[in-house]
Amino acid sequence: MVGDNRKLLIFPLSEVPELARGQGVFLQKYKDGGLTDATSFTWSEGLKDENGRLFGPTDLKEWRGVRAQAGRIVPNGWARSRKFVT
């Protein structure tokens, strides 16, 4: 997940609970702004930004966290658009 504040947070999909209809769950904590983009990916394959740059597991280990944390500023070289390639 990437927010308007340029903070990236990576957490396991298993941490997202399945709730009843009409209820919500916090995915990332924001002081200002909101969600820009979210995607799911396989950890071993890495993650691509909109510029096509591939960030592998060793590049992303500092951004792993627990759901609903604030995250950390995106890595150097990340696309200014703050979008993922799927």
N, C-alpha and C. Protein backbone atom coordinates (compact mmCIF):
# COMPACT_ATOMS: atom_id res chain seq x y z
N MET A 1 0.83 -1.16 0.00
CA MET A 1 0.00 0.00 0.00
C MET A 1 0.88 1.23 0.00
N VAL A 2 0.49 2.24 -0.76
CA VAL A 2 1.18 3.53 -0.79
C VAL A 2 0.13 4.61 -0.59
N GLY A 3 0.45 5.56 0.29
CA GLY A 3 -0.46 6.66 0.57
C GLY A 3 -0.05 7.95 -0.12
N ASP A 4 -0.93 8.94 -0.04
CA ASP A 4 -0.64 10.27 -0.58
C ASP A 4 0.60 10.88 0.06
N ASN A 5 0.91 10.45 1.27
CA ASN A 5 2.07 10.97 1.99
C ASN A 5 3.38 10.28 1.59
N ARG A 6 3.36 9.48 0.51
CA ARG A 6 4.52 8.75 -0.02
C ARG A 6 5.05 7.70 0.95
N LYS A 7 4.19 7.13 1.77
CA LYS A 7 4.62 6.09 2.70
C LYS A 7 4.13 4.74 2.20
N LEU A 8 5.05 3.79 2.22
CA LEU A 8 4.81 2.43 1.74
C LEU A 8 4.72 1.49 2.93
N LEU A 9 3.76 0.57 2.89
CA LEU A 9 3.62 -0.45 3.92
C LEU A 9 3.33 -1.78 3.24
N ILE A 10 4.10 -2.79 3.61
CA ILE A 10 3.92 -4.14 3.07
C ILE A 10 3.58 -5.06 4.24
N PHE A 11 2.46 -5.77 4.11
CA PHE A 11 2.05 -6.71 5.15
C PHE A 11 1.38 -7.92 4.50
N PRO A 12 1.35 -9.06 5.20
CA PRO A 12 0.75 -10.27 4.63
C PRO A 12 -0.76 -10.11 4.44
N LEU A 13 -1.27 -10.67 3.37
CA LEU A 13 -2.70 -10.62 3.09
C LEU A 13 -3.51 -11.33 4.16
N SER A 14 -2.89 -12.26 4.85
CA SER A 14 -3.58 -13.00 5.92
C SER A 14 -3.96 -12.10 7.10
N GLU A 15 -3.38 -10.89 7.20
CA GLU A 15 -3.71 -9.97 8.28
C GLU A 15 -4.98 -9.17 8.02
N VAL A 16 -5.53 -9.27 6.82
CA VAL A 16 -6.76 -8.54 6.50
C VAL A 16 -7.94 -9.44 6.83
N PRO A 17 -8.72 -9.07 7.86
CA PRO A 17 -9.83 -9.93 8.27
C PRO A 17 -11.01 -9.81 7.30
N GLU A 18 -11.81 -10.85 7.27
CA GLU A 18 -13.03 -10.84 6.48
C GLU A 18 -14.16 -10.41 7.41
N LEU A 19 -14.74 -9.26 7.14
CA LEU A 19 -15.77 -8.69 8.00
C LEU A 19 -17.14 -8.77 7.35
N ALA A 20 -18.16 -8.56 8.18
CA ALA A 20 -19.52 -8.53 7.67
C ALA A 20 -19.71 -7.32 6.76
N ARG A 21 -20.68 -7.39 5.92
CA ARG A 21 -20.95 -6.31 4.97
C ARG A 21 -21.21 -5.00 5.71
N GLY A 22 -20.62 -3.92 5.20
CA GLY A 22 -20.84 -2.60 5.79
C GLY A 22 -19.81 -2.21 6.84
N GLN A 23 -18.95 -3.12 7.21
CA GLN A 23 -17.92 -2.81 8.19
C GLN A 23 -16.61 -2.57 7.46
N GLY A 24 -15.70 -1.87 8.09
CA GLY A 24 -14.42 -1.57 7.46
C GLY A 24 -13.26 -2.02 8.32
N VAL A 25 -12.08 -1.98 7.73
CA VAL A 25 -10.87 -2.38 8.44
C VAL A 25 -9.76 -1.39 8.06
N PHE A 26 -8.93 -1.01 9.03
CA PHE A 26 -7.81 -0.13 8.76
C PHE A 26 -6.72 -0.92 8.04
N LEU A 27 -6.26 -0.39 6.90
CA LEU A 27 -5.17 -1.03 6.18
C LEU A 27 -3.86 -0.32 6.44
N GLN A 28 -3.89 1.02 6.48
CA GLN A 28 -2.70 1.82 6.76
C GLN A 28 -3.14 3.07 7.49
N LYS A 29 -2.35 3.50 8.46
CA LYS A 29 -2.68 4.68 9.24
C LYS A 29 -2.17 5.93 8.51
N TYR A 30 -3.04 6.95 8.37
CA TYR A 30 -2.68 8.19 7.70
C TYR A 30 -2.90 9.38 8.62
N LYS A 31 -1.90 10.24 8.71
CA LYS A 31 -2.07 11.49 9.44
C LYS A 31 -2.72 12.50 8.50
N ASP A 32 -2.21 12.57 7.27
CA ASP A 32 -2.75 13.44 6.24
C ASP A 32 -2.95 12.62 4.97
N GLY A 33 -3.96 12.97 4.18
CA GLY A 33 -4.18 12.31 2.90
C GLY A 33 -4.86 10.96 3.05
N GLY A 34 -4.65 10.11 2.06
CA GLY A 34 -5.28 8.80 2.06
C GLY A 34 -4.52 7.83 1.20
N LEU A 35 -5.19 6.79 0.78
CA LEU A 35 -4.59 5.73 -0.01
C LEU A 35 -4.43 6.17 -1.46
N THR A 36 -3.24 5.93 -2.02
CA THR A 36 -2.99 6.21 -3.43
C THR A 36 -3.15 4.95 -4.27
N ASP A 37 -2.53 3.85 -3.84
CA ASP A 37 -2.61 2.61 -4.60
C ASP A 37 -2.32 1.43 -3.68
N ALA A 38 -2.90 0.30 -4.02
CA ALA A 38 -2.67 -0.93 -3.26
C ALA A 38 -2.61 -2.09 -4.25
N THR A 39 -1.82 -3.08 -3.94
CA THR A 39 -1.71 -4.26 -4.79
C THR A 39 -1.29 -5.45 -3.94
N SER A 40 -1.47 -6.63 -4.48
CA SER A 40 -0.95 -7.83 -3.83
C SER A 40 0.13 -8.40 -4.75
N PHE A 41 1.13 -9.03 -4.17
CA PHE A 41 2.23 -9.58 -4.94
C PHE A 41 2.86 -10.73 -4.17
N THR A 42 3.66 -11.51 -4.87
CA THR A 42 4.40 -12.60 -4.26
C THR A 42 5.75 -12.07 -3.80
N TRP A 43 6.05 -12.26 -2.54
CA TRP A 43 7.26 -11.69 -1.93
C TRP A 43 8.52 -12.08 -2.70
N SER A 44 8.62 -13.32 -3.12
CA SER A 44 9.83 -13.78 -3.80
C SER A 44 10.01 -13.16 -5.19
N GLU A 45 8.91 -12.73 -5.83
CA GLU A 45 8.98 -12.13 -7.16
C GLU A 45 9.27 -10.64 -7.11
N GLY A 46 9.03 -10.00 -6.00
CA GLY A 46 9.28 -8.57 -5.86
C GLY A 46 8.10 -7.72 -6.29
N LEU A 47 8.33 -6.41 -6.34
CA LEU A 47 7.28 -5.44 -6.60
C LEU A 47 7.76 -4.43 -7.62
N LYS A 48 6.92 -4.10 -8.61
CA LYS A 48 7.28 -3.13 -9.65
C LYS A 48 6.50 -1.84 -9.44
N ASP A 49 7.21 -0.70 -9.62
CA ASP A 49 6.52 0.58 -9.58
C ASP A 49 6.10 0.96 -10.99
N GLU A 50 5.47 2.11 -11.16
CA GLU A 50 4.94 2.51 -12.46
C GLU A 50 6.04 2.74 -13.50
N ASN A 51 7.26 3.05 -13.07
CA ASN A 51 8.37 3.23 -14.00
C ASN A 51 8.92 1.90 -14.50
N GLY A 52 8.44 0.79 -13.94
CA GLY A 52 8.90 -0.52 -14.35
C GLY A 52 10.10 -1.01 -13.56
N ARG A 53 10.54 -0.26 -12.56
CA ARG A 53 11.67 -0.68 -11.75
C ARG A 53 11.23 -1.78 -10.79
N LEU A 54 11.99 -2.85 -10.73
CA LEU A 54 11.67 -3.98 -9.87
C LEU A 54 12.42 -3.85 -8.55
N PHE A 55 11.67 -3.93 -7.46
CA PHE A 55 12.24 -3.92 -6.12
C PHE A 55 12.09 -5.34 -5.57
N GLY A 56 13.21 -5.99 -5.31
CA GLY A 56 13.21 -7.36 -4.82
C GLY A 56 13.01 -7.43 -3.32
N PRO A 57 12.94 -8.65 -2.79
CA PRO A 57 12.74 -8.84 -1.35
C PRO A 57 13.81 -8.15 -0.49
N THR A 58 15.05 -8.17 -0.93
CA THR A 58 16.11 -7.53 -0.14
C THR A 58 15.95 -6.01 -0.13
N ASP A 59 15.40 -5.44 -1.21
CA ASP A 59 15.17 -4.00 -1.28
C ASP A 59 14.00 -3.56 -0.41
N LEU A 60 13.03 -4.46 -0.19
CA LEU A 60 11.78 -4.09 0.47
C LEU A 60 11.66 -4.53 1.93
N LYS A 61 12.68 -5.21 2.46
CA LYS A 61 12.54 -5.77 3.81
C LYS A 61 12.28 -4.71 4.88
N GLU A 62 12.75 -3.48 4.68
CA GLU A 62 12.53 -2.41 5.67
C GLU A 62 11.09 -1.91 5.69
N TRP A 63 10.31 -2.20 4.65
CA TRP A 63 8.94 -1.70 4.54
C TRP A 63 7.92 -2.74 4.97
N ARG A 64 8.37 -3.91 5.38
CA ARG A 64 7.45 -4.93 5.91
C ARG A 64 6.99 -4.50 7.28
N GLY A 65 5.72 -4.70 7.54
CA GLY A 65 5.19 -4.32 8.84
C GLY A 65 3.90 -5.06 9.14
N VAL A 66 3.16 -4.48 10.05
CA VAL A 66 1.88 -5.03 10.46
C VAL A 66 0.78 -4.13 9.92
N ARG A 67 -0.33 -4.73 9.54
CA ARG A 67 -1.46 -3.97 9.03
C ARG A 67 -1.81 -2.83 9.99
N ALA A 68 -2.18 -1.68 9.44
CA ALA A 68 -2.60 -0.48 10.17
C ALA A 68 -1.45 0.34 10.73
N GLN A 69 -0.21 0.01 10.39
CA GLN A 69 0.91 0.88 10.75
C GLN A 69 0.97 2.03 9.76
N ALA A 70 1.80 3.02 10.04
CA ALA A 70 1.93 4.19 9.17
C ALA A 70 2.79 3.91 7.94
N GLY A 71 3.78 3.04 8.05
CA GLY A 71 4.67 2.77 6.94
C GLY A 71 5.88 3.69 6.95
N ARG A 72 6.71 3.57 5.93
CA ARG A 72 7.92 4.39 5.80
C ARG A 72 7.94 5.02 4.42
N ILE A 73 8.69 6.10 4.28
CA ILE A 73 8.82 6.79 2.99
C ILE A 73 9.31 5.79 1.93
N VAL A 74 8.75 5.89 0.73
CA VAL A 74 9.09 4.95 -0.35
C VAL A 74 10.59 4.92 -0.62
N PRO A 75 11.10 3.79 -1.17
CA PRO A 75 12.53 3.69 -1.45
C PRO A 75 12.98 4.70 -2.51
N ASN A 76 14.28 5.01 -2.51
CA ASN A 76 14.84 5.90 -3.53
C ASN A 76 14.62 5.30 -4.90
N GLY A 77 14.23 6.13 -5.85
CA GLY A 77 13.98 5.66 -7.20
C GLY A 77 12.54 5.29 -7.47
N TRP A 78 11.68 5.34 -6.48
CA TRP A 78 10.27 4.99 -6.65
C TRP A 78 9.59 6.03 -7.53
N ALA A 79 8.63 5.63 -8.34
CA ALA A 79 7.92 6.52 -9.26
C ALA A 79 7.20 7.63 -8.49
N ARG A 80 7.25 8.85 -9.01
CA ARG A 80 6.60 9.99 -8.36
C ARG A 80 5.07 9.83 -8.30
N SER A 81 4.53 9.06 -9.22
CA SER A 81 3.07 8.86 -9.27
C SER A 81 2.56 8.01 -8.11
N ARG A 82 3.49 7.32 -7.43
CA ARG A 82 3.14 6.43 -6.31
C ARG A 82 2.17 5.32 -6.73
N LYS A 83 2.37 4.79 -7.93
CA LYS A 83 1.50 3.71 -8.44
C LYS A 83 2.32 2.44 -8.63
N PHE A 84 1.61 1.31 -8.61
CA PHE A 84 2.21 0.00 -8.86
C PHE A 84 1.88 -0.45 -10.28
N VAL A 85 2.67 -1.38 -10.81
CA VAL A 85 2.36 -2.06 -12.06
C VAL A 85 1.85 -3.43 -11.68
N THR A 86 0.72 -3.84 -12.25
CA THR A 86 0.17 -5.15 -11.91
C THR A 86 0.45 -6.15 -12.99
